[in-house]
Amino acid sequence: MGYGDRDYMQPDYQQTGGRPPGLPGPFEGAPITKWLLMMNIATFFLDLILVEYPPLFLRDLWGYYSIDKAILGGQLWRFFTFQFLHADFHHLFFNSIGIFFFGPHIERWMSSRPFLVFYLLCGVAGALFYTVLFFTPGVLESYPISQGMVGASAGIFGILAAFYYVAPDARIYLFFFIPLRMKTFALLIFAFETFHVLFDMSNAGGSAGHLGGAFIGLLIVKNQKGREIVIKLSQIGQARRAKSHIRNAKIIRERQSSPIELSEEIDRILDKISEHGIQSLSSKERETLDKARKK
């Protein structure tokens, strides 16, 4: 939904007091992100419940990804199931934060079905990249072929890569209080993951999966052919050709500010109107609001 679709952006809108109506919720236009988050949380707690019942234990018996089971054992479903399992609450918590804060923006940019395909493909790419590096001499030498991998991180790193491409100048807050541009954050975190892999540090296998998801995610959003593949896969099972598409990032980035920053600025201005009245706006704030109304 664009700014012009919101009730409070219409020319005849009358303020009635309180917070302006129409402000989007965190998952508005992003139902897949909500379901991914819910599935990860539900699966984690279901896994805890079933730990006393080995035949159904999700992670150990049929969920995690490992080279010996998924590839040598032919259990190809593990390329997908491992993406919904987590090692512990700490693992789940930080992955949930990544999905919550970044997923809705990219889903609204792509539309829901292509976003789901994109997310799962990045997860699969993470497992494949880990596998390639495992068989690369001098890399991941401390890892056995039966080493298990779980987590949504590869898909999340694909989302981060897409977010970096769409809105490199968007402001984010590292640890909730350190302001960074998205492009700075992306470079730091990808350098960190590369360092872990090259020096075979703790969780080097997980870092390999992260890099694989990020690489494929960036490749898809930057390449027309990659976007077309995602769109075609998202149309499987639909009765007629879908109209959903991945938008051109050049259109999204028509201003110096990213679309996310602009949306945040509009919401701040409207909150200010709600609390202090329209007379409290500066000339620059009025200009920003007028431009958004005309979009």
Protein backbone atom coordinates (compact mmCIF):
# COMPACT_ATOMS: atom_id res chain seq x y z
CA MET A 1 0.00 0.00 0.00
CA GLY A 2 1.46 3.36 -1.01
CA TYR A 3 1.25 6.56 0.98
CA GLY A 4 -1.61 7.83 -1.18
CA ASP A 5 -3.73 4.76 -0.31
CA ARG A 6 -3.80 5.60 3.39
CA ASP A 7 -6.93 7.36 4.72
CA TYR A 8 -4.96 10.18 6.30
CA MET A 9 -3.20 11.00 3.00
CA GLN A 10 -6.45 11.87 1.20
CA PRO A 11 -7.13 15.59 0.47
CA ASP A 12 -10.44 15.53 2.33
CA TYR A 13 -9.12 13.70 5.41
CA GLN A 14 -10.29 15.23 8.69
CA GLN A 15 -8.29 14.62 11.82
CA THR A 16 -10.40 13.25 14.68
CA GLY A 17 -7.80 13.16 17.43
CA GLY A 18 -5.55 10.39 18.62
CA ARG A 19 -3.21 8.43 16.37
CA PRO A 20 -4.10 8.86 12.68
CA PRO A 21 -6.01 5.88 11.26
CA GLY A 22 -4.54 3.79 8.50
CA LEU A 23 -1.03 3.45 9.90
CA PRO A 24 0.21 0.02 8.85
CA GLY A 25 0.78 -2.72 11.38
CA PRO A 26 4.12 -4.55 11.36
CA PHE A 27 2.75 -7.32 9.13
CA GLU A 28 0.40 -5.31 6.91
CA GLY A 29 0.98 -6.50 3.36
CA ALA A 30 3.36 -9.15 4.69
CA PRO A 31 1.37 -12.28 5.67
CA ILE A 32 4.18 -14.68 4.70
CA THR A 33 6.59 -12.96 7.09
CA LYS A 34 4.05 -13.37 9.89
CA TRP A 35 3.57 -17.06 9.13
CA LEU A 36 7.30 -17.72 8.85
CA LEU A 37 7.81 -16.16 12.25
CA MET A 38 4.95 -18.12 13.78
CA MET A 39 6.12 -21.40 12.22
CA ASN A 40 9.65 -20.98 13.52
CA ILE A 41 8.43 -20.27 17.04
CA ALA A 42 5.82 -23.04 17.02
CA THR A 43 8.26 -25.61 15.64
CA PHE A 44 10.84 -24.73 18.28
CA PHE A 45 8.43 -25.30 21.16
CA LEU A 46 6.95 -28.40 19.53
CA ASP A 47 10.49 -29.72 19.25
CA LEU A 48 10.97 -29.14 22.98
CA ILE A 49 7.75 -30.97 23.79
CA LEU A 50 8.66 -33.96 21.62
CA VAL A 51 12.17 -34.33 23.02
CA GLU A 52 10.90 -37.12 25.28
CA TYR A 53 9.55 -39.03 22.26
CA PRO A 54 12.51 -39.93 20.00
CA PRO A 55 10.40 -41.31 17.11
CA LEU A 56 8.96 -37.83 16.60
CA PHE A 57 11.96 -35.71 17.58
CA LEU A 58 11.96 -33.14 14.78
CA ARG A 59 15.54 -32.00 14.77
CA ASP A 60 17.46 -35.25 15.15
CA LEU A 61 15.41 -37.73 13.16
CA TRP A 62 14.21 -35.94 10.05
CA GLY A 63 14.62 -32.20 10.26
CA TYR A 64 18.21 -30.99 10.28
CA TYR A 65 20.42 -30.72 7.21
CA SER A 66 23.59 -32.76 6.93
CA ILE A 67 25.55 -33.94 3.91
CA ASP A 68 25.38 -37.61 4.84
CA LYS A 69 21.58 -37.61 5.26
CA ALA A 70 20.34 -35.00 2.78
CA ILE A 71 22.69 -35.79 -0.12
CA LEU A 72 24.27 -39.20 0.43
CA GLY A 73 21.10 -40.49 2.06
CA GLY A 74 18.78 -38.93 -0.53
CA GLN A 75 16.60 -37.18 2.08
CA LEU A 76 16.16 -34.06 0.00
CA TRP A 77 13.36 -32.64 2.14
CA ARG A 78 16.04 -31.67 4.66
CA PHE A 79 17.04 -28.77 2.38
CA PHE A 80 13.76 -27.18 3.51
CA THR A 81 12.94 -28.59 6.95
CA PHE A 82 16.20 -27.43 8.53
CA GLN A 83 15.13 -23.85 7.89
CA PHE A 84 12.36 -24.09 10.50
CA LEU A 85 14.42 -25.63 13.30
CA HIS A 86 16.67 -23.91 15.84
CA ALA A 87 19.38 -25.08 18.20
CA ASP A 88 18.27 -23.09 21.26
CA PHE A 89 16.21 -20.11 22.36
CA HIS A 90 19.08 -17.68 21.73
CA HIS A 91 19.29 -18.92 18.12
CA LEU A 92 15.54 -18.58 17.66
CA PHE A 93 15.41 -15.14 19.27
CA PHE A 94 17.93 -13.46 16.99
CA ASN A 95 16.57 -15.10 13.85
CA SER A 96 13.07 -13.97 14.82
CA ILE A 97 14.33 -10.40 15.18
CA GLY A 98 15.80 -10.58 11.67
CA ILE A 99 12.56 -11.86 10.17
CA PHE A 100 10.43 -9.35 12.07
CA PHE A 101 12.39 -6.21 11.24
CA PHE A 102 13.50 -6.92 7.67
CA GLY A 103 11.05 -9.48 6.26
CA PRO A 104 7.95 -7.23 5.93
CA HIS A 105 9.79 -4.60 3.87
CA ILE A 106 11.10 -7.13 1.34
CA GLU A 107 7.80 -9.02 1.17
CA ARG A 108 5.92 -5.81 0.38
CA TRP A 109 8.56 -5.00 -2.24
CA MET A 110 8.34 -8.41 -3.93
CA SER A 111 4.75 -9.40 -3.04
CA SER A 112 4.02 -12.45 -0.93
CA ARG A 113 4.33 -15.52 -3.17
CA PRO A 114 7.63 -14.49 -4.79
CA PHE A 115 8.93 -13.56 -1.34
CA LEU A 116 8.22 -17.06 -0.01
CA VAL A 117 10.00 -18.66 -2.96
CA PHE A 118 12.90 -16.23 -2.57
CA TYR A 119 13.23 -16.97 1.15
CA LEU A 120 13.21 -20.75 0.70
CA LEU A 121 15.66 -20.61 -2.22
CA CYS A 122 18.09 -18.59 -0.10
CA GLY A 123 17.80 -21.22 2.62
CA VAL A 124 18.52 -24.02 0.15
CA ALA A 125 21.45 -22.01 -1.23
CA GLY A 126 22.85 -21.75 2.28
CA ALA A 127 22.90 -25.54 2.64
CA LEU A 128 24.41 -25.98 -0.82
CA PHE A 129 27.14 -23.40 -0.21
CA TYR A 130 28.02 -25.10 3.06
CA THR A 131 28.27 -28.39 1.15
CA VAL A 132 30.53 -26.89 -1.53
CA LEU A 133 32.85 -25.39 1.07
CA PHE A 134 32.90 -28.68 2.99
CA PHE A 135 34.43 -30.41 -0.03
CA THR A 136 36.82 -27.52 -0.68
CA PRO A 137 40.34 -28.38 0.57
CA GLY A 138 41.42 -26.29 3.53
CA VAL A 139 37.90 -25.09 4.43
CA LEU A 140 35.66 -26.41 7.23
CA GLU A 141 38.22 -29.11 7.99
CA SER A 142 36.99 -29.51 11.56
CA TYR A 143 33.49 -30.46 10.41
CA PRO A 144 32.44 -34.14 10.03
CA ILE A 145 30.24 -35.15 7.13
CA SER A 146 27.44 -35.89 9.61
CA GLN A 147 27.50 -32.34 11.02
CA GLY A 148 23.92 -31.08 11.35
CA MET A 149 22.72 -27.62 10.35
CA VAL A 150 19.53 -25.92 11.54
CA GLY A 151 18.15 -22.41 11.45
CA ALA A 152 16.44 -19.76 9.36
CA SER A 153 19.64 -17.72 9.05
CA ALA A 154 20.39 -18.46 5.39
CA GLY A 155 16.96 -17.22 4.33
CA ILE A 156 17.31 -14.19 6.61
CA PHE A 157 20.68 -13.33 5.10
CA GLY A 158 19.02 -13.46 1.69
CA ILE A 159 16.48 -10.94 3.00
CA LEU A 160 19.30 -8.76 4.35
CA ALA A 161 21.03 -8.84 0.96
CA ALA A 162 17.80 -7.80 -0.78
CA PHE A 163 17.25 -5.05 1.79
CA TYR A 164 20.80 -3.82 1.17
CA TYR A 165 20.07 -3.67 -2.56
CA VAL A 166 16.70 -1.94 -2.23
CA ALA A 167 17.49 0.54 0.54
CA PRO A 168 21.26 0.83 1.15
CA ASP A 169 20.87 4.21 2.88
CA ALA A 170 18.13 3.14 5.29
CA ARG A 171 18.99 3.65 8.95
CA ILE A 172 18.95 0.66 11.28
CA TYR A 173 19.91 0.36 14.92
CA LEU A 174 22.50 -2.25 15.85
CA PHE A 175 21.66 -3.71 19.27
CA PHE A 176 18.69 -1.29 19.19
CA PHE A 177 20.74 1.83 19.94
CA ILE A 178 23.74 2.09 17.53
CA PRO A 179 22.61 3.88 14.33
CA LEU A 180 24.06 2.52 11.09
CA ARG A 181 23.31 2.80 7.40
CA MET A 182 22.16 -0.49 5.93
CA LYS A 183 25.11 -0.62 3.54
CA THR A 184 27.54 -0.22 6.46
CA PHE A 185 25.77 -2.89 8.49
CA ALA A 186 25.71 -5.29 5.53
CA LEU A 187 29.42 -4.89 4.80
CA LEU A 188 30.33 -5.39 8.46
CA ILE A 189 28.24 -8.49 8.96
CA PHE A 190 29.25 -10.14 5.68
CA ALA A 191 32.93 -9.45 6.43
CA PHE A 192 32.42 -10.98 9.87
CA GLU A 193 30.87 -14.14 8.40
CA THR A 194 33.63 -14.45 5.78
CA PHE A 195 36.28 -14.15 8.50
CA HIS A 196 34.61 -16.97 10.44
CA VAL A 197 34.67 -19.27 7.41
CA LEU A 198 38.22 -18.52 6.32
CA PHE A 199 39.66 -19.13 9.77
CA ASP A 200 37.36 -22.06 10.60
CA MET A 201 36.14 -20.39 13.77
CA SER A 202 33.19 -21.43 15.90
CA ASN A 203 30.05 -21.88 13.80
CA ALA A 204 32.05 -21.57 10.57
CA GLY A 205 29.56 -23.96 8.98
CA GLY A 206 26.69 -21.71 9.95
CA SER A 207 28.57 -18.70 8.55
CA ALA A 208 29.01 -20.59 5.28
CA GLY A 209 25.25 -21.04 5.13
CA HIS A 210 24.71 -17.36 5.85
CA LEU A 211 27.01 -16.33 3.01
CA GLY A 212 25.32 -18.74 0.60
CA GLY A 213 21.90 -17.30 1.38
CA ALA A 214 23.18 -13.72 1.03
CA PHE A 215 24.95 -14.43 -2.27
CA ILE A 216 21.91 -16.01 -3.91
CA GLY A 217 19.61 -13.36 -2.48
CA LEU A 218 21.69 -10.56 -3.97
CA LEU A 219 22.06 -12.42 -7.25
CA ILE A 220 18.31 -12.85 -7.59
CA VAL A 221 17.33 -9.24 -6.90
CA LYS A 222 20.08 -7.79 -9.09
CA ASN A 223 19.55 -10.12 -12.05
CA GLN A 224 16.50 -9.99 -14.30
CA LYS A 225 16.73 -13.70 -15.07
CA GLY A 226 16.87 -14.52 -11.37
CA ARG A 227 13.77 -12.45 -10.69
CA GLU A 228 11.94 -14.17 -13.55
CA ILE A 229 12.79 -17.60 -12.12
CA VAL A 230 11.42 -16.62 -8.72
CA ILE A 231 8.23 -15.26 -10.28
CA LYS A 232 7.67 -18.42 -12.38
CA LEU A 233 8.21 -20.66 -9.36
CA SER A 234 5.77 -18.55 -7.35
CA GLN A 235 3.10 -19.09 -10.03
CA ILE A 236 3.14 -22.89 -9.71
CA GLY A 237 -0.31 -24.08 -8.70
CA GLN A 238 -2.07 -20.86 -9.60
CA ALA A 239 -5.08 -21.16 -11.90
CA ARG A 240 -3.99 -18.24 -14.00
CA ARG A 241 -0.88 -16.20 -14.49
CA ALA A 242 -0.08 -14.15 -11.41
CA LYS A 243 0.28 -10.42 -11.61
CA SER A 244 2.68 -10.29 -8.67
CA HIS A 245 6.15 -9.15 -9.52
CA ILE A 246 9.41 -7.98 -8.04
CA ARG A 247 9.56 -4.26 -8.56
CA ASN A 248 12.42 -2.44 -10.18
CA ALA A 249 14.68 -1.14 -7.43
CA LYS A 250 15.52 1.95 -9.51
CA ILE A 251 11.90 3.02 -9.18
CA ILE A 252 11.93 2.36 -5.45
CA ARG A 253 15.07 4.46 -5.00
CA GLU A 254 13.79 7.59 -6.71
CA ARG A 255 14.85 9.80 -3.79
CA GLN A 256 18.04 10.17 -1.82
CA SER A 257 16.14 8.82 1.18
CA SER A 258 15.13 5.18 1.04
CA PRO A 259 11.39 4.36 0.91
CA ILE A 260 11.62 3.01 4.44
CA GLU A 261 13.17 6.22 5.77
CA LEU A 262 10.54 8.30 3.95
CA SER A 263 7.72 6.20 5.42
CA GLU A 264 9.15 6.65 8.90
CA GLU A 265 9.41 10.42 8.35
CA ILE A 266 5.78 10.64 7.18
CA ASP A 267 4.60 8.69 10.22
CA ARG A 268 6.64 10.97 12.51
CA ILE A 269 5.08 14.06 10.93
CA LEU A 270 1.57 12.65 11.27
CA ASP A 271 2.20 11.78 14.91
CA LYS A 272 3.32 15.37 15.43
CA ILE A 273 0.09 16.64 13.85
CA SER A 274 -1.90 14.33 16.11
CA GLU A 275 -0.19 15.62 19.25
CA HIS A 276 0.39 19.31 18.48
CA GLY A 277 -1.72 20.19 15.46
CA ILE A 278 -0.78 20.98 11.88
CA GLN A 279 0.39 24.46 12.85
CA SER A 280 3.36 22.86 14.64
CA LEU A 281 4.91 21.65 11.35
CA SER A 282 7.98 23.31 9.91
CA SER A 283 8.01 24.40 6.28
CA LYS A 284 10.20 21.41 5.40
CA GLU A 285 7.80 19.00 7.12
CA ARG A 286 4.84 20.54 5.26
CA GLU A 287 6.70 20.14 1.98
CA THR A 288 7.47 16.48 2.73
CA LEU A 289 3.82 15.79 3.56
CA ASP A 290 2.56 17.55 0.42
CA LYS A 291 4.94 15.56 -1.79
CA ALA A 292 3.81 12.29 -0.19
CA ARG A 293 0.14 13.18 -0.77
CA LYS A 294 0.80 13.68 -4.47
CA LYS A 295 2.39 10.24 -4.94
